[in-house]
């Protein structure tokens, strides 16, 4: 059973999977790298400092 890295909800269907080893090289640790949606992925990357607020807001504006 997987849970979303950002919101913690149980993932029952499709999900986004990231390569945790890529981010681990940059000292950013993810448990198993699963996200329930693009919003959770973007917000998680923003909170880790991978993307800045301007980029996160640009993504939200496209939604």
PDB file of N, CA and C in Angstrom:
ATOM      1  N   UNK A   1       0.851  -1.175   0.000  1.00  0.00           N
ATOM      2  CA  UNK A   1       0.000   0.000   0.000  1.00  0.00           C
ATOM      3  C   UNK A   1       0.898   1.239   0.000  1.00  0.00           C
ATOM      4  N   UNK A   2       0.631   2.158  -0.933  1.00  0.00           N
ATOM      5  CA  UNK A   2       1.409   3.382  -1.028  1.00  0.00           C
ATOM      6  C   UNK A   2       0.577   4.568  -0.578  1.00  0.00           C
ATOM      7  N   UNK A   3       1.271   5.568  -0.070  1.00  0.00           N
ATOM      8  CA  UNK A   3       0.644   6.819   0.325  1.00  0.00           C
ATOM      9  C   UNK A   3       1.353   7.967  -0.382  1.00  0.00           C
ATOM     10  N   UNK A   4       0.610   9.020  -0.668  1.00  0.00           N
ATOM     11  CA  UNK A   4       1.163  10.195  -1.331  1.00  0.00           C
ATOM     12  C   UNK A   4       2.219  10.832  -0.430  1.00  0.00           C
ATOM     13  N   UNK A   5       3.371  11.155  -1.008  1.00  0.00           N
ATOM     14  CA  UNK A   5       4.458  11.785  -0.264  1.00  0.00           C
ATOM     15  C   UNK A   5       4.042  13.130   0.327  1.00  0.00           C
ATOM     16  N   UNK A   6       3.140  13.847  -0.346  1.00  0.00           N
ATOM     17  CA  UNK A   6       2.779  15.186   0.105  1.00  0.00           C
ATOM     18  C   UNK A   6       1.576  15.199   1.038  1.00  0.00           C
ATOM     19  N   UNK A   7       0.457  14.661   0.602  1.00  0.00           N
ATOM     20  CA  UNK A   7      -0.774  14.765   1.393  1.00  0.00           C
ATOM     21  C   UNK A   7      -1.008  13.553   2.293  1.00  0.00           C
ATOM     22  N   UNK A   8      -0.314  12.454   2.031  1.00  0.00           N
ATOM     23  CA  UNK A   8      -0.420  11.280   2.875  1.00  0.00           C
ATOM     24  C   UNK A   8      -1.611  10.377   2.601  1.00  0.00           C
ATOM     25  N   UNK A   9      -2.433  10.739   1.608  1.00  0.00           N
ATOM     26  CA  UNK A   9      -3.594   9.904   1.303  1.00  0.00           C
ATOM     27  C   UNK A   9      -3.158   8.587   0.673  1.00  0.00           C
ATOM     28  N   UNK A  10      -3.910   7.535   0.972  1.00  0.00           N
ATOM     29  CA  UNK A  10      -3.636   6.233   0.382  1.00  0.00           C
ATOM     30  C   UNK A  10      -3.882   6.300  -1.118  1.00  0.00           C
ATOM     31  N   UNK A  11      -2.956   5.748  -1.878  1.00  0.00           N
ATOM     32  CA  UNK A  11      -3.072   5.741  -3.335  1.00  0.00           C
ATOM     33  C   UNK A  11      -3.658   4.407  -3.748  1.00  0.00           C
ATOM     34  N   UNK A  12      -4.838   4.463  -4.374  1.00  0.00           N
ATOM     35  CA  UNK A  12      -5.536   3.236  -4.753  1.00  0.00           C
ATOM     36  C   UNK A  12      -5.472   2.964  -6.248  1.00  0.00           C
ATOM     37  N   UNK A  13      -5.304   4.001  -7.052  1.00  0.00           N
ATOM     38  CA  UNK A  13      -5.272   3.831  -8.502  1.00  0.00           C
ATOM     39  C   UNK A  13      -3.929   4.249  -9.063  1.00  0.00           C
ATOM     40  N   UNK A  14      -3.968   5.002 -10.155  1.00  0.00           N
ATOM     41  CA  UNK A  14      -2.747   5.478 -10.779  1.00  0.00           C
ATOM     42  C   UNK A  14      -2.085   6.560  -9.942  1.00  0.00           C
ATOM     43  N   UNK A  15      -0.798   6.722 -10.137  1.00  0.00           N
ATOM     44  CA  UNK A  15      -0.060   7.733  -9.391  1.00  0.00           C
ATOM     45  C   UNK A  15       1.204   8.111 -10.149  1.00  0.00           C
ATOM     46  N   UNK A  16       1.844   9.184  -9.718  1.00  0.00           N
ATOM     47  CA  UNK A  16       3.115   9.611 -10.285  1.00  0.00           C
ATOM     48  C   UNK A  16       4.238   9.020  -9.447  1.00  0.00           C
ATOM     49  N   UNK A  17       5.257   8.501 -10.096  1.00  0.00           N
ATOM     50  CA  UNK A  17       6.396   7.920  -9.388  1.00  0.00           C
ATOM     51  C   UNK A  17       7.647   8.685  -9.805  1.00  0.00           C
ATOM     52  N   UNK A  18       8.437   9.130  -8.820  1.00  0.00           N
ATOM     53  CA  UNK A  18       9.685   9.815  -9.132  1.00  0.00           C
ATOM     54  C   UNK A  18      10.859   8.914  -8.765  1.00  0.00           C
ATOM     55  N   UNK A  19      12.012   9.231  -9.322  1.00  0.00           N
ATOM     56  CA  UNK A  19      13.232   8.499  -9.014  1.00  0.00           C
ATOM     57  C   UNK A  19      13.833   9.109  -7.749  1.00  0.00           C
ATOM     58  N   UNK A  20      13.663   8.446  -6.623  1.00  0.00           N
ATOM     59  CA  UNK A  20      14.145   8.966  -5.339  1.00  0.00           C
ATOM     60  C   UNK A  20      15.659   9.111  -5.307  1.00  0.00           C
ATOM     61  N   UNK A  21      16.371   8.236  -6.018  1.00  0.00           N
ATOM     62  CA  UNK A  21      17.832   8.296  -6.029  1.00  0.00           C
ATOM     63  C   UNK A  21      18.325   9.598  -6.642  1.00  0.00           C
ATOM     64  N   UNK A  22      17.614  10.132  -7.636  1.00  0.00           N
ATOM     65  CA  UNK A  22      17.993  11.402  -8.248  1.00  0.00           C
ATOM     66  C   UNK A  22      17.958  12.508  -7.208  1.00  0.00           C
ATOM     67  N   UNK A  23      16.887  12.576  -6.430  1.00  0.00           N
ATOM     68  CA  UNK A  23      16.752  13.634  -5.440  1.00  0.00           C
ATOM     69  C   UNK A  23      17.646  13.391  -4.232  1.00  0.00           C
ATOM     70  N   UNK A  24      17.924  12.133  -3.922  1.00  0.00           N
ATOM     71  CA  UNK A  24      18.787  11.812  -2.790  1.00  0.00           C
ATOM     72  C   UNK A  24      20.192  12.384  -2.993  1.00  0.00           C
ATOM     73  N   UNK A  25      20.643  12.445  -4.261  1.00  0.00           N
ATOM     74  CA  UNK A  25      21.942  13.045  -4.557  1.00  0.00           C
ATOM     75  C   UNK A  25      21.992  14.509  -4.141  1.00  0.00           C
ATOM     76  N   UNK A  26      20.840  15.148  -4.096  1.00  0.00           N
ATOM     77  CA  UNK A  26      20.748  16.558  -3.720  1.00  0.00           C
ATOM     78  C   UNK A  26      20.293  16.716  -2.268  1.00  0.00           C
ATOM     79  N   UNK A  27      20.426  15.639  -1.484  1.00  0.00           N
ATOM     80  CA  UNK A  27      20.093  15.642  -0.056  1.00  0.00           C
ATOM     81  C   UNK A  27      18.613  15.898   0.204  1.00  0.00           C
ATOM     82  N   UNK A  28      17.756  15.492  -0.725  1.00  0.00           N
ATOM     83  CA  UNK A  28      16.310  15.583  -0.547  1.00  0.00           C
ATOM     84  C   UNK A  28      15.794  14.152  -0.458  1.00  0.00           C
ATOM     85  N   UNK A  29      15.199  13.811   0.656  1.00  0.00           N
ATOM     86  CA  UNK A  29      14.779  12.428   0.863  1.00  0.00           C
ATOM     87  C   UNK A  29      13.272  12.274   0.711  1.00  0.00           C
ATOM     88  N   UNK A  30      12.880  11.320  -0.105  1.00  0.00           N
ATOM     89  CA  UNK A  30      11.486  10.927  -0.239  1.00  0.00           C
ATOM     90  C   UNK A  30      11.389   9.482   0.216  1.00  0.00           C
ATOM     91  N   UNK A  31      10.242   9.117   0.766  1.00  0.00           N
ATOM     92  CA  UNK A  31      10.046   7.758   1.261  1.00  0.00           C
ATOM     93  C   UNK A  31      10.054   6.765   0.104  1.00  0.00           C
ATOM     94  N   UNK A  32       9.036   6.799  -0.737  1.00  0.00           N
ATOM     95  CA  UNK A  32       8.964   5.895  -1.888  1.00  0.00           C
ATOM     96  C   UNK A  32       8.683   6.642  -3.190  1.00  0.00           C
ATOM     97  N   UNK A  33       8.546   7.956  -3.133  1.00  0.00           N
ATOM     98  CA  UNK A  33       8.446   8.759  -4.351  1.00  0.00           C
ATOM     99  C   UNK A  33       7.127   8.680  -5.079  1.00  0.00           C
ATOM    100  N   UNK A  34       6.037   8.380  -4.382  1.00  0.00           N
ATOM    101  CA  UNK A  34       4.723   8.282  -5.023  1.00  0.00           C
ATOM    102  C   UNK A  34       3.894   9.521  -4.683  1.00  0.00           C
ATOM    103  N   UNK A  35       3.224  10.064  -5.697  1.00  0.00           N
ATOM    104  CA  UNK A  35       2.362  11.232  -5.529  1.00  0.00           C
ATOM    105  C   UNK A  35       1.021  10.959  -6.191  1.00  0.00           C
ATOM    106  N   UNK A  36      -0.060  11.361  -5.526  1.00  0.00           N
ATOM    107  CA  UNK A  36      -1.397  11.061  -6.045  1.00  0.00           C
ATOM    108  C   UNK A  36      -1.767  11.934  -7.240  1.00  0.00           C
ATOM    109  N   UNK A  37      -1.162  13.128  -7.371  1.00  0.00           N
ATOM    110  CA  UNK A  37      -1.482  14.027  -8.490  1.00  0.00           C
ATOM    111  C   UNK A  37      -0.327  14.999  -8.717  1.00  0.00           C
ATOM    112  N   UNK A  38      -0.397  15.739  -9.818  1.00  0.00           N
ATOM    113  CA  UNK A  38       0.642  16.706 -10.154  1.00  0.00           C
ATOM    114  C   UNK A  38       0.729  17.818  -9.116  1.00  0.00           C
ATOM    115  N   UNK A  39      -0.406  18.237  -8.583  1.00  0.00           N
ATOM    116  CA  UNK A  39      -0.404  19.300  -7.577  1.00  0.00           C
ATOM    117  C   UNK A  39       0.444  18.916  -6.372  1.00  0.00           C
ATOM    118  N   UNK A  40       0.283  17.700  -5.875  1.00  0.00           N
ATOM    119  CA  UNK A  40       1.053  17.251  -4.716  1.00  0.00           C
ATOM    120  C   UNK A  40       2.541  17.167  -5.046  1.00  0.00           C
ATOM    121  N   UNK A  41       2.873  16.740  -6.253  1.00  0.00           N
ATOM    122  CA  UNK A  41       4.270  16.684  -6.665  1.00  0.00           C
ATOM    123  C   UNK A  41       4.878  18.078  -6.688  1.00  0.00           C
ATOM    124  N   UNK A  42       4.203  19.031  -7.332  1.00  0.00           N
ATOM    125  CA  UNK A  42       4.710  20.401  -7.438  1.00  0.00           C
ATOM    126  C   UNK A  42       4.841  21.031  -6.056  1.00  0.00           C
ATOM    127  N   UNK A  43       3.842  20.881  -5.206  1.00  0.00           N
ATOM    128  CA  UNK A  43       3.904  21.470  -3.872  1.00  0.00           C
ATOM    129  C   UNK A  43       5.020  20.852  -3.042  1.00  0.00           C
ATOM    130  N   UNK A  44       5.236  19.561  -3.181  1.00  0.00           N
ATOM    131  CA  UNK A  44       6.304  18.902  -2.443  1.00  0.00           C
ATOM    132  C   UNK A  44       7.664  19.411  -2.906  1.00  0.00           C
ATOM    133  N   UNK A  45       7.855  19.541  -4.214  1.00  0.00           N
ATOM    134  CA  UNK A  45       9.122  20.062  -4.740  1.00  0.00           C
ATOM    135  C   UNK A  45       9.343  21.506  -4.309  1.00  0.00           C
ATOM    136  N   UNK A  46       8.275  22.290  -4.268  1.00  0.00           N
ATOM    137  CA  UNK A  46       8.369  23.673  -3.800  1.00  0.00           C
ATOM    138  C   UNK A  46       8.810  23.721  -2.335  1.00  0.00           C
ATOM    139  N   UNK A  47       8.193  22.889  -1.502  1.00  0.00           N
ATOM    140  CA  UNK A  47       8.527  22.868  -0.083  1.00  0.00           C
ATOM    141  C   UNK A  47       9.962  22.397   0.166  1.00  0.00           C
ATOM    142  N   UNK A  48      10.481  21.556  -0.724  1.00  0.00           N
ATOM    143  CA  UNK A  48      11.868  21.081  -0.588  1.00  0.00           C
ATOM    144  C   UNK A  48      12.874  22.088  -1.139  1.00  0.00           C
ATOM    145  N   UNK A  49      12.387  23.122  -1.825  1.00  0.00           N
ATOM    146  CA  UNK A  49      13.277  24.123  -2.397  1.00  0.00           C
ATOM    147  C   UNK A  49      13.791  23.792  -3.781  1.00  0.00           C
ATOM    148  N   UNK A  50      13.221  22.773  -4.422  1.00  0.00           N
ATOM    149  CA  UNK A  50      13.660  22.382  -5.759  1.00  0.00           C
ATOM    150  C   UNK A  50      13.178  23.395  -6.800  1.00  0.00           C
ATOM    151  N   UNK A  51      11.976  23.899  -6.629  1.00  0.00           N
ATOM    152  CA  UNK A  51      11.448  24.936  -7.511  1.00  0.00           C
ATOM    153  C   UNK A  51      11.070  26.137  -6.656  1.00  0.00           C
ATOM    154  N   UNK A  52      11.116  27.321  -7.258  1.00  0.00           N
ATOM    155  CA  UNK A  52      10.786  28.514  -6.490  1.00  0.00           C
ATOM    156  C   UNK A  52       9.301  28.825  -6.590  1.00  0.00           C
ATOM    157  N   UNK A  53       8.873  29.789  -5.802  1.00  0.00           N
ATOM    158  CA  UNK A  53       7.447  30.129  -5.732  1.00  0.00           C
ATOM    159  C   UNK A  53       6.905  30.573  -7.085  1.00  0.00           C
ATOM    160  N   UNK A  54       7.705  31.305  -7.829  1.00  0.00           N
ATOM    161  CA  UNK A  54       7.282  31.774  -9.155  1.00  0.00           C
ATOM    162  C   UNK A  54       6.937  30.596 -10.062  1.00  0.00           C
ATOM    163  N   UNK A  55       7.773  29.568 -10.060  1.00  0.00           N
ATOM    164  CA  UNK A  55       7.519  28.385 -10.886  1.00  0.00           C
ATOM    165  C   UNK A  55       6.293  27.622 -10.392  1.00  0.00           C
ATOM    166  N   UNK A  56       6.129  27.518  -9.082  1.00  0.00           N
ATOM    167  CA  UNK A  56       4.970  26.813  -8.527  1.00  0.00           C
ATOM    168  C   UNK A  56       3.684  27.545  -8.887  1.00  0.00           C
ATOM    169  N   UNK A  57       3.698  28.863  -8.812  1.00  0.00           N
ATOM    170  CA  UNK A  57       2.503  29.651  -9.132  1.00  0.00           C
ATOM    171  C   UNK A  57       2.184  29.577 -10.629  1.00  0.00           C
ATOM    172  N   UNK A  58       3.233  29.516 -11.453  1.00  0.00           N
ATOM    173  CA  UNK A  58       3.030  29.397 -12.905  1.00  0.00           C
ATOM    174  C   UNK A  58       2.284  28.102 -13.210  1.00  0.00           C
ATOM    175  N   UNK A  59       2.647  27.036 -12.517  1.00  0.00           N
ATOM    176  CA  UNK A  59       1.985  25.751 -12.704  1.00  0.00           C
ATOM    177  C   UNK A  59       0.523  25.843 -12.271  1.00  0.00           C
ATOM    178  N   UNK A  60       0.266  26.459 -11.109  1.00  0.00           N
ATOM    179  CA  UNK A  60      -1.095  26.577 -10.616  1.00  0.00           C
ATOM    180  C   UNK A  60      -1.956  27.411 -11.557  1.00  0.00           C
ATOM    181  N   UNK A  61      -1.377  28.438 -12.185  1.00  0.00           N
ATOM    182  CA  UNK A  61      -2.123  29.281 -13.122  1.00  0.00           C
ATOM    183  C   UNK A  61      -2.583  28.505 -14.356  1.00  0.00           C
ATOM    184  N   UNK A  62      -1.851  27.457 -14.718  1.00  0.00           N
ATOM    185  CA  UNK A  62      -2.195  26.654 -15.897  1.00  0.00           C
ATOM    186  C   UNK A  62      -3.322  25.682 -15.615  1.00  0.00           C
ATOM    187  N   UNK A  63      -3.612  25.436 -14.364  1.00  0.00           N
ATOM    188  CA  UNK A  63      -4.648  24.469 -13.992  1.00  0.00           C
ATOM    189  C   UNK A  63      -6.026  24.986 -14.302  1.00  0.00           C
TER     190      UNK A  63
END
